[in-house]
């Protein structure tokens, strides 16, 4: 039986995962890319303040995802699916990264 996870929970799971895997030492840059302050990003990650819908979309896009695909990533994390394609070194080029993301979402169809 499948149950529904709230979209914000999906968003938050994906955000924490992406920061840990790709932006851990560059959170300031990630915040700037999303158009928010580093402090605001920190509050969102630590669940001290919720992100508005606009901020959720901006963070997803700054991470290289559409909002819908970011939520799909959160669902995959929640279900414990294999996410090895996201375990890349920081020096991996963006084209390879985006190809892996595309392959992931094609498997979701």
Protein backbone atom coordinates (compact mmCIF):
# COMPACT_ATOMS: atom_id res chain seq x y z
CA UNK A 1 0.00 0.00 0.00
CA UNK A 2 1.38 3.36 -1.02
CA UNK A 3 0.96 6.44 1.13
CA UNK A 4 1.38 10.09 0.30
CA UNK A 5 4.20 12.21 1.70
CA UNK A 6 3.47 15.90 1.98
CA UNK A 7 5.17 17.97 -0.73
CA UNK A 8 7.11 20.06 1.82
CA UNK A 9 8.56 16.89 3.36
CA UNK A 10 9.61 15.74 -0.12
CA UNK A 11 11.18 19.15 -0.76
CA UNK A 12 13.04 19.17 2.56
CA UNK A 13 14.42 15.63 2.09
CA UNK A 14 15.70 16.54 -1.38
CA UNK A 15 17.18 19.84 -0.16
CA UNK A 16 19.12 18.23 2.69
CA UNK A 17 20.36 15.48 0.38
CA UNK A 18 21.50 17.87 -2.37
CA UNK A 19 23.27 20.15 0.08
CA UNK A 20 25.07 17.20 1.65
CA UNK A 21 26.10 15.69 -1.71
CA UNK A 22 26.82 18.77 -3.82
CA UNK A 23 26.83 22.02 -1.87
CA UNK A 24 28.19 21.15 1.58
CA UNK A 25 31.14 23.53 1.48
CA UNK A 26 29.47 26.00 -0.87
CA UNK A 27 26.18 26.80 0.84
CA UNK A 28 26.73 30.53 0.45
CA UNK A 29 27.03 30.11 -3.33
CA UNK A 30 23.92 27.90 -3.36
CA UNK A 31 21.96 30.51 -1.39
CA UNK A 32 23.10 33.26 -3.77
CA UNK A 33 22.09 31.13 -6.77
CA UNK A 34 18.63 30.78 -5.22
CA UNK A 35 18.39 34.49 -4.37
CA UNK A 36 18.23 34.05 -0.59
CA UNK A 37 20.61 34.73 2.27
CA UNK A 38 22.89 32.06 3.68
CA UNK A 39 21.19 32.47 7.06
CA UNK A 40 17.76 31.91 5.54
CA UNK A 41 19.02 28.76 3.79
CA UNK A 42 20.45 27.53 7.08
CA UNK A 43 17.12 28.12 8.84
CA UNK A 44 15.28 26.19 6.13
CA UNK A 45 17.71 23.25 6.24
CA UNK A 46 17.54 23.08 10.05
CA UNK A 47 13.71 23.29 9.91
CA UNK A 48 13.71 26.50 11.96
CA UNK A 49 11.70 28.32 9.28
CA UNK A 50 9.68 26.90 6.39
CA UNK A 51 10.51 27.90 2.84
CA UNK A 52 7.81 29.70 0.89
CA UNK A 53 6.69 28.09 -2.36
CA UNK A 54 8.66 30.72 -4.30
CA UNK A 55 11.81 29.90 -2.30
CA UNK A 56 11.28 26.16 -2.77
CA UNK A 57 11.13 26.65 -6.53
CA UNK A 58 14.21 28.89 -6.48
CA UNK A 59 16.21 26.34 -4.44
CA UNK A 60 15.17 23.47 -6.70
CA UNK A 61 16.20 25.44 -9.78
CA UNK A 62 19.50 26.51 -8.18
CA UNK A 63 20.20 22.80 -7.62
CA UNK A 64 19.55 22.14 -11.33
CA UNK A 65 16.08 20.60 -11.00
CA UNK A 66 12.55 21.59 -11.85
CA UNK A 67 10.37 21.83 -8.75
CA UNK A 68 8.46 18.69 -9.73
CA UNK A 69 11.67 16.70 -10.23
CA UNK A 70 13.03 17.96 -6.92
CA UNK A 71 9.92 16.60 -5.19
CA UNK A 72 10.38 13.31 -7.08
CA UNK A 73 13.92 13.14 -5.70
CA UNK A 74 12.53 13.66 -2.19
CA UNK A 75 10.07 10.80 -2.73
CA UNK A 76 12.89 8.55 -3.94
CA UNK A 77 14.93 9.39 -0.85
CA UNK A 78 11.96 8.72 1.40
CA UNK A 79 11.40 5.31 -0.24
CA UNK A 80 15.08 4.44 0.17
CA UNK A 81 15.74 4.07 -3.55
CA UNK A 82 19.26 3.85 -4.93
CA UNK A 83 20.63 7.33 -5.56
CA UNK A 84 24.20 6.41 -6.43
CA UNK A 85 24.02 8.50 -9.58
CA UNK A 86 24.10 11.59 -7.33
CA UNK A 87 27.26 10.49 -5.47
CA UNK A 88 29.58 12.34 -7.82
CA UNK A 89 32.75 14.20 -6.97
CA UNK A 90 32.47 17.99 -7.12
CA UNK A 91 34.79 18.15 -10.10
CA UNK A 92 32.30 16.24 -12.27
CA UNK A 93 31.25 18.48 -15.11
CA UNK A 94 27.69 19.80 -15.34
CA UNK A 95 26.88 17.98 -18.59
CA UNK A 96 27.59 14.59 -17.02
CA UNK A 97 25.60 15.58 -13.94
CA UNK A 98 22.58 16.59 -15.99
CA UNK A 99 22.75 13.39 -18.04
CA UNK A 100 22.61 11.34 -14.84
CA UNK A 101 19.63 13.36 -13.62
CA UNK A 102 17.87 12.88 -16.94
CA UNK A 103 18.50 9.12 -16.81
CA UNK A 104 17.09 9.03 -13.27
CA UNK A 105 13.88 10.75 -14.27
CA UNK A 106 13.46 8.62 -17.38
CA UNK A 107 13.37 5.59 -15.09
CA UNK A 108 10.50 7.25 -13.21
CA UNK A 109 8.27 7.31 -16.29
